[in-house]
N, C-alpha and C. Protein backbone atom coordinates (compact mmCIF):
# COMPACT_ATOMS: atom_id res chain seq x y z
N MET A 1 20.11 -1.08 -10.91
CA MET A 1 18.84 -0.58 -10.94
C MET A 1 17.50 -1.62 -10.67
N ILE A 2 17.61 -2.92 -11.54
CA ILE A 2 16.81 -3.50 -11.10
C ILE A 2 16.53 -3.96 -9.42
N ILE A 3 18.30 -3.41 -8.76
CA ILE A 3 17.51 -4.23 -7.62
C ILE A 3 16.35 -3.19 -7.11
N ILE A 4 17.30 -1.98 -7.79
CA ILE A 4 16.05 -0.51 -6.92
C ILE A 4 14.79 -0.88 -7.31
N THR A 5 14.90 -1.23 -8.20
CA THR A 5 12.95 -1.75 -9.28
C THR A 5 12.52 -2.29 -8.03
N GLY A 6 12.40 -3.63 -7.85
CA GLY A 6 12.78 -4.21 -7.83
C GLY A 6 11.87 -4.41 -5.74
N LEU A 7 12.72 -2.88 -5.32
CA LEU A 7 12.78 -2.83 -3.84
C LEU A 7 11.29 -1.81 -4.02
N LEU A 8 10.99 -0.89 -5.55
CA LEU A 8 9.92 0.38 -5.55
C LEU A 8 8.99 -0.51 -4.99
N LEU A 9 8.65 -2.13 -6.17
CA LEU A 9 7.21 -2.56 -6.53
C LEU A 9 7.44 -3.37 -4.98
N LEU A 10 8.18 -3.96 -4.13
CA LEU A 10 8.33 -4.57 -2.91
C LEU A 10 7.52 -3.43 -1.87
N ILE A 11 8.26 -2.10 -2.34
CA ILE A 11 6.71 -1.50 -1.14
C ILE A 11 5.84 -1.03 -1.81
N ILE A 12 5.47 -1.51 -2.37
CA ILE A 12 4.13 -0.95 -3.48
C ILE A 12 3.38 -1.91 -2.90
N LEU A 13 4.20 -3.12 -2.72
CA LEU A 13 3.06 -4.66 -2.65
C LEU A 13 2.90 -4.51 -0.75
N LEU A 14 3.97 -3.94 -0.40
CA LEU A 14 3.64 -4.51 1.20
C LEU A 14 2.78 -3.01 1.62
N THR A 15 3.15 -1.93 1.82
CA THR A 15 2.44 -1.15 1.63
C THR A 15 0.71 -1.41 1.07
N SER A 16 0.28 -1.86 0.01
CA SER A 16 -1.20 -2.24 0.23
C SER A 16 -2.10 -3.30 1.23
N ILE A 17 -0.30 -4.32 1.60
CA ILE A 17 -0.67 -5.24 2.34
C ILE A 17 -1.19 -4.63 3.24
N SER A 18 -0.10 -4.10 4.13
CA SER A 18 -1.07 -3.05 5.23
C SER A 18 -1.86 -2.19 5.38
N GLN A 19 -2.32 -1.81 4.34
CA GLN A 19 -3.68 -0.61 4.33
C GLN A 19 -4.57 -2.38 4.19
N VAL A 20 -4.52 -3.30 3.51
CA VAL A 20 -5.53 -3.97 3.36
C VAL A 20 -5.69 -5.03 5.08
N LEU A 21 -4.87 -4.83 5.69
CA LEU A 21 -4.96 -5.75 6.94
C LEU A 21 -4.76 -4.26 8.05
N LEU A 22 -5.04 -3.01 8.01
CA LEU A 22 -6.00 -1.82 8.46
C LEU A 22 -7.33 -2.11 8.44
N LYS A 23 -7.53 -2.53 7.92
CA LYS A 23 -8.90 -1.67 7.07
C LYS A 23 -9.38 -3.14 7.75
N ILE A 24 -8.97 -4.42 7.88
CA ILE A 24 -9.61 -5.98 8.22
C ILE A 24 -9.86 -5.85 10.15
N GLY A 25 -8.40 -5.10 10.45
CA GLY A 25 -8.30 -4.92 11.95
C GLY A 25 -9.12 -3.86 12.19
N SER A 26 -9.59 -2.91 11.07
CA SER A 26 -10.53 -2.13 12.32
C SER A 26 -11.76 -2.43 12.43
N LYS A 27 -12.24 -3.69 11.51
CA LYS A 27 -13.61 -3.71 12.06
C LYS A 27 -14.25 -4.85 12.23
N ASN A 28 -12.94 -5.53 12.82
CA ASN A 28 -12.75 -6.83 14.21
C ASN A 28 -12.81 -6.51 15.30
N LYS A 29 -13.93 -6.31 15.79
CA LYS A 29 -14.03 -6.87 17.04
C LYS A 29 -13.91 -7.43 17.99
N ASN A 30 -13.31 -7.47 19.36
CA ASN A 30 -13.17 -9.05 20.97
C ASN A 30 -14.80 -8.45 21.60
N GLU A 31 -14.89 -9.66 22.00
CA GLU A 31 -16.09 -10.04 22.63
C GLU A 31 -16.39 -9.09 24.20
N LYS A 32 -15.75 -8.29 24.20
CA LYS A 32 -15.34 -6.83 25.57
C LYS A 32 -15.69 -5.92 24.91
N ASN A 33 -15.46 -5.64 23.60
CA ASN A 33 -16.11 -4.25 23.11
C ASN A 33 -15.69 -3.19 22.93
N SER A 34 -14.24 -3.71 23.10
CA SER A 34 -13.45 -2.43 23.88
C SER A 34 -12.99 -1.80 23.31
N ILE A 35 -12.56 -0.49 23.51
CA ILE A 35 -12.07 0.91 22.92
C ILE A 35 -11.24 0.07 21.40
N LEU A 36 -10.27 -0.33 22.31
CA LEU A 36 -8.85 -0.44 21.70
C LEU A 36 -8.73 -1.92 21.19
N ALA A 37 -10.05 -1.89 21.24
CA ALA A 37 -9.84 -3.53 20.19
C ALA A 37 -9.88 -3.63 18.42
N PRO A 38 -9.80 -2.14 17.88
CA PRO A 38 -9.32 -1.67 16.77
C PRO A 38 -8.05 -1.46 16.24
N TYR A 39 -7.21 -1.61 17.28
CA TYR A 39 -5.96 -1.62 17.43
C TYR A 39 -5.38 -2.22 18.00
N LEU A 40 -5.37 -2.59 18.43
CA LEU A 40 -4.77 -4.29 19.92
C LEU A 40 -5.04 -5.43 19.21
N ASN A 41 -5.41 -5.55 18.05
CA ASN A 41 -4.91 -6.98 16.68
C ASN A 41 -4.28 -7.72 16.14
N ILE A 42 -4.26 -8.24 16.04
CA ILE A 42 -2.93 -9.58 14.79
C ILE A 42 -3.03 -8.82 13.69
N HIS A 43 -4.26 -8.27 13.44
CA HIS A 43 -3.75 -7.74 11.99
C HIS A 43 -3.37 -6.02 12.43
N THR A 44 -3.69 -5.12 12.99
CA THR A 44 -3.23 -4.24 13.25
C THR A 44 -2.00 -3.80 13.61
N ILE A 45 -1.67 -5.12 14.42
CA ILE A 45 -0.22 -4.72 14.36
C ILE A 45 0.78 -5.70 13.72
N CYS A 46 0.21 -6.39 13.14
CA CYS A 46 1.42 -6.55 11.97
C CYS A 46 1.27 -5.63 10.29
N SER A 47 0.10 -4.75 10.70
CA SER A 47 -0.24 -4.57 9.77
C SER A 47 0.82 -2.75 9.87
N TYR A 48 0.93 -2.16 11.05
CA TYR A 48 2.57 -1.83 11.62
C TYR A 48 4.37 -2.19 11.78
N GLY A 49 4.12 -3.11 11.94
CA GLY A 49 4.82 -3.75 11.63
C GLY A 49 5.92 -3.76 10.32
N LEU A 50 4.03 -4.25 9.06
CA LEU A 50 5.14 -3.97 7.39
C LEU A 50 5.26 -2.51 7.50
N LEU A 51 4.18 -1.37 7.58
CA LEU A 51 4.38 -0.48 7.74
C LEU A 51 6.11 0.28 8.76
N LEU A 52 6.41 0.04 8.89
CA LEU A 52 7.68 0.11 9.80
C LEU A 52 9.26 -0.86 8.42
N ILE A 53 8.89 -1.47 7.96
CA ILE A 53 9.64 -2.41 7.23
C ILE A 53 9.94 -1.22 5.62
N VAL A 54 9.40 -1.17 5.02
CA VAL A 54 8.72 0.05 3.81
C VAL A 54 8.98 0.38 4.28
N THR A 55 9.09 1.29 5.17
CA THR A 55 10.24 2.98 5.76
C THR A 55 11.39 3.22 5.43
N VAL A 56 11.83 2.08 6.57
CA VAL A 56 13.67 0.76 6.04
C VAL A 56 14.06 1.43 4.74
N LEU A 57 12.65 0.56 4.13
CA LEU A 57 12.89 0.38 2.86
C LEU A 57 13.50 1.31 1.57
N SER A 58 11.59 2.30 2.38
CA SER A 58 12.02 3.33 1.18
C SER A 58 13.31 4.69 1.34
N VAL A 59 14.67 4.29 2.36
CA VAL A 59 15.33 4.97 2.75
C VAL A 59 16.49 4.30 2.27
N VAL A 60 16.87 3.16 2.06
CA VAL A 60 17.68 2.45 1.27
C VAL A 60 17.09 2.60 0.23
N VAL A 61 15.95 2.80 -0.34
CA VAL A 61 15.83 3.38 -2.67
C VAL A 61 15.90 4.73 -2.14
N LEU A 62 15.77 6.39 -0.96
CA LEU A 62 15.91 7.41 -2.02
C LEU A 62 17.71 7.32 -1.52
N GLU A 63 19.26 5.93 -1.37
CA GLU A 63 19.78 6.53 -0.19
C GLU A 63 20.72 5.56 -1.61
N GLU A 64 19.94 5.03 -2.68
CA GLU A 64 20.67 4.43 -3.59
C GLU A 64 20.53 5.23 -4.76
N GLY A 65 19.69 6.69 -4.66
CA GLY A 65 19.98 7.55 -5.58
C GLY A 65 18.27 7.60 -6.47
N ILE A 66 17.35 7.39 -6.58
CA ILE A 66 16.61 7.43 -6.65
C ILE A 66 15.54 9.30 -6.86
N PRO A 67 15.10 9.95 -7.49
CA PRO A 67 14.91 10.61 -7.18
C PRO A 67 13.43 11.16 -6.27
N LEU A 68 13.22 12.24 -5.05
CA LEU A 68 12.09 12.34 -4.78
C LEU A 68 11.18 12.28 -5.66
N LYS A 69 10.90 13.04 -6.42
CA LYS A 69 10.17 13.10 -7.20
C LYS A 69 9.04 11.82 -8.16
N ASN A 70 10.84 11.57 -8.45
CA ASN A 70 10.68 9.33 -9.50
C ASN A 70 9.38 8.76 -8.53
N TYR A 71 10.05 9.18 -7.41
CA TYR A 71 9.81 7.96 -6.24
C TYR A 71 8.59 8.46 -6.09
N ASN A 72 7.90 9.96 -5.55
CA ASN A 72 6.11 9.21 -4.75
C ASN A 72 5.87 9.14 -6.13
N SER A 73 6.13 9.77 -7.47
CA SER A 73 5.64 9.10 -8.13
C SER A 73 4.81 7.26 -8.37
N ILE A 74 5.82 7.10 -8.36
CA ILE A 74 6.00 5.40 -8.78
C ILE A 74 5.19 5.69 -7.52
N ILE A 75 5.35 5.39 -6.09
CA ILE A 75 4.22 4.45 -5.67
C ILE A 75 3.31 5.75 -4.99
N SER A 76 2.13 6.52 -6.04
CA SER A 76 1.04 6.41 -5.66
C SER A 76 0.09 4.89 -6.40
N LEU A 77 0.91 4.67 -7.27
CA LEU A 77 1.12 3.32 -7.14
C LEU A 77 0.12 2.57 -5.91
N ILE A 78 0.66 2.39 -5.00
CA ILE A 78 -0.35 1.83 -3.53
C ILE A 78 -1.82 1.75 -3.55
N PHE A 79 -2.21 2.38 -4.18
CA PHE A 79 -3.60 2.89 -4.60
C PHE A 79 -4.37 1.63 -5.70
N VAL A 80 -3.87 2.09 -6.60
CA VAL A 80 -4.49 0.75 -7.37
C VAL A 80 -3.97 -0.90 -6.90
N GLY A 81 -2.88 -1.48 -6.42
CA GLY A 81 -2.24 -1.99 -5.10
C GLY A 81 -3.12 -2.27 -4.18
N VAL A 82 -3.96 -1.10 -2.90
CA VAL A 82 -4.75 -1.30 -2.58
C VAL A 82 -6.22 -1.91 -2.88
N ILE A 83 -6.61 -0.94 -3.74
CA ILE A 83 -8.43 -1.37 -4.54
C ILE A 83 -8.36 -3.23 -4.74
N GLY A 84 -7.19 -3.28 -6.12
CA GLY A 84 -6.47 -4.65 -6.26
C GLY A 84 -6.59 -5.71 -5.31
N LEU A 85 -6.00 -5.27 -3.88
CA LEU A 85 -6.29 -6.13 -3.01
C LEU A 85 -7.59 -6.36 -2.08
N SER A 86 -8.13 -5.42 -1.99
CA SER A 86 -10.14 -4.85 -1.43
C SER A 86 -11.27 -5.82 -2.67
N TRP A 87 -10.10 -5.77 -4.17
CA TRP A 87 -11.49 -6.63 -4.53
C TRP A 87 -10.87 -8.34 -4.50
N GLY A 88 -10.11 -8.25 -4.27
CA GLY A 88 -8.97 -9.26 -4.65
C GLY A 88 -9.43 -10.64 -3.41
N LEU A 89 -9.45 -10.16 -2.91
CA LEU A 89 -9.91 -10.77 -0.93
C LEU A 89 -10.45 -9.72 -0.22
N LEU A 90 -11.00 -9.15 0.25
CA LEU A 90 -11.78 -8.65 1.04
C LEU A 90 -13.76 -8.62 0.04
N LYS A 91 -13.66 -8.69 -1.93
CA LYS A 91 -14.23 -8.72 -2.64
C LYS A 91 -15.31 -7.66 -2.29
N GLU A 92 -14.41 -6.27 -1.76
CA GLU A 92 -15.32 -4.93 -2.49
C GLU A 92 -15.28 -4.90 -3.72
N GLU A 93 -16.25 -4.19 -3.81
CA GLU A 93 -17.16 -3.59 -5.70
C GLU A 93 -15.84 -2.85 -5.84
N VAL A 94 -15.55 -2.85 -7.64
CA VAL A 94 -14.61 -2.11 -8.37
C VAL A 94 -16.18 -1.57 -9.38
N THR A 95 -15.88 0.07 -8.79
CA THR A 95 -16.89 0.47 -10.09
C THR A 95 -16.20 1.19 -11.37
N LYS A 96 -16.50 1.89 -12.48
CA LYS A 96 -16.14 1.81 -13.49
C LYS A 96 -15.54 2.91 -13.39
N LYS A 97 -16.11 4.52 -11.99
CA LYS A 97 -14.92 5.22 -12.37
C LYS A 97 -13.72 5.17 -10.90
N THR A 98 -14.21 4.15 -10.03
CA THR A 98 -12.60 2.90 -9.42
C THR A 98 -11.46 3.06 -10.91
N VAL A 99 -11.91 2.04 -11.65
CA VAL A 99 -11.20 2.08 -13.06
C VAL A 99 -10.20 2.65 -13.81
N VAL A 100 -11.91 3.62 -14.26
CA VAL A 100 -10.69 4.94 -14.60
C VAL A 100 -9.79 5.75 -14.01
N GLY A 101 -9.77 5.48 -12.20
CA GLY A 101 -9.07 6.29 -11.42
C GLY A 101 -7.70 5.03 -11.48
N ILE A 102 -7.54 4.05 -11.66
CA ILE A 102 -6.73 3.70 -11.54
C ILE A 102 -5.62 3.74 -13.00
N LEU A 103 -6.33 3.71 -13.75
CA LEU A 103 -6.07 4.07 -15.31
C LEU A 103 -5.12 4.92 -16.07
N LEU A 104 -6.12 6.75 -15.10
CA LEU A 104 -5.05 7.78 -14.23
C LEU A 104 -4.69 7.66 -13.81
N ILE A 105 -4.22 6.99 -12.73
CA ILE A 105 -2.88 6.23 -11.84
C ILE A 105 -1.83 6.32 -12.64
N ILE A 106 -2.62 5.33 -13.45
CA ILE A 106 -0.94 4.21 -13.63
C ILE A 106 -0.48 4.93 -15.29
N GLY A 107 -1.19 5.81 -16.44
CA GLY A 107 -1.02 6.27 -16.73
C GLY A 107 -0.14 8.34 -16.16
N GLY A 108 -0.36 7.88 -15.60
CA GLY A 108 0.08 9.62 -14.85
C GLY A 108 2.08 9.04 -14.59
N VAL A 109 1.98 7.93 -13.93
CA VAL A 109 3.23 7.78 -13.24
C VAL A 109 4.18 7.88 -14.86
N VAL A 110 2.87 6.95 -15.50
CA VAL A 110 3.74 6.20 -16.98
C VAL A 110 4.44 7.06 -17.68
N VAL A 111 3.48 8.78 -18.03
CA VAL A 111 4.43 10.05 -18.00
C VAL A 111 5.06 11.02 -18.08
N PHE A 112 5.01 11.17 -16.48
CA PHE A 112 5.65 11.38 -15.78
C PHE A 112 7.37 10.96 -15.69
N ASN A 113 7.69 9.93 -15.34
CA ASN A 113 9.00 9.02 -15.42
C ASN A 113 9.28 8.84 -16.33
N LEU A 114 8.61 9.10 -18.48
CA LEU A 114 9.50 8.48 -19.38
C LEU A 114 10.60 10.24 -19.53
């Protein structure tokens, strides 16, 4: 069970990092102003690679016996991870409404999985 919990946390972390990389990659422009520039840069490609790894890890976790309803509720913590990484790495503002949303997500996960 400890390994499954660790894999769930790894899935949340990798997906959050992937989402932030997609956000960074979408802002990248190259010298040629190509339409494909947001899709063919290192940040976006790495993000898709991470999502592929997350897909494989998710299948492993679900095969090991975590019920899908519990998996989906725990995975909602990705929203918290993306907000935290965006605040820490991209210096995005976190409003009071965002903090309330984070607390509601965390509270919902705790209540649902008790």
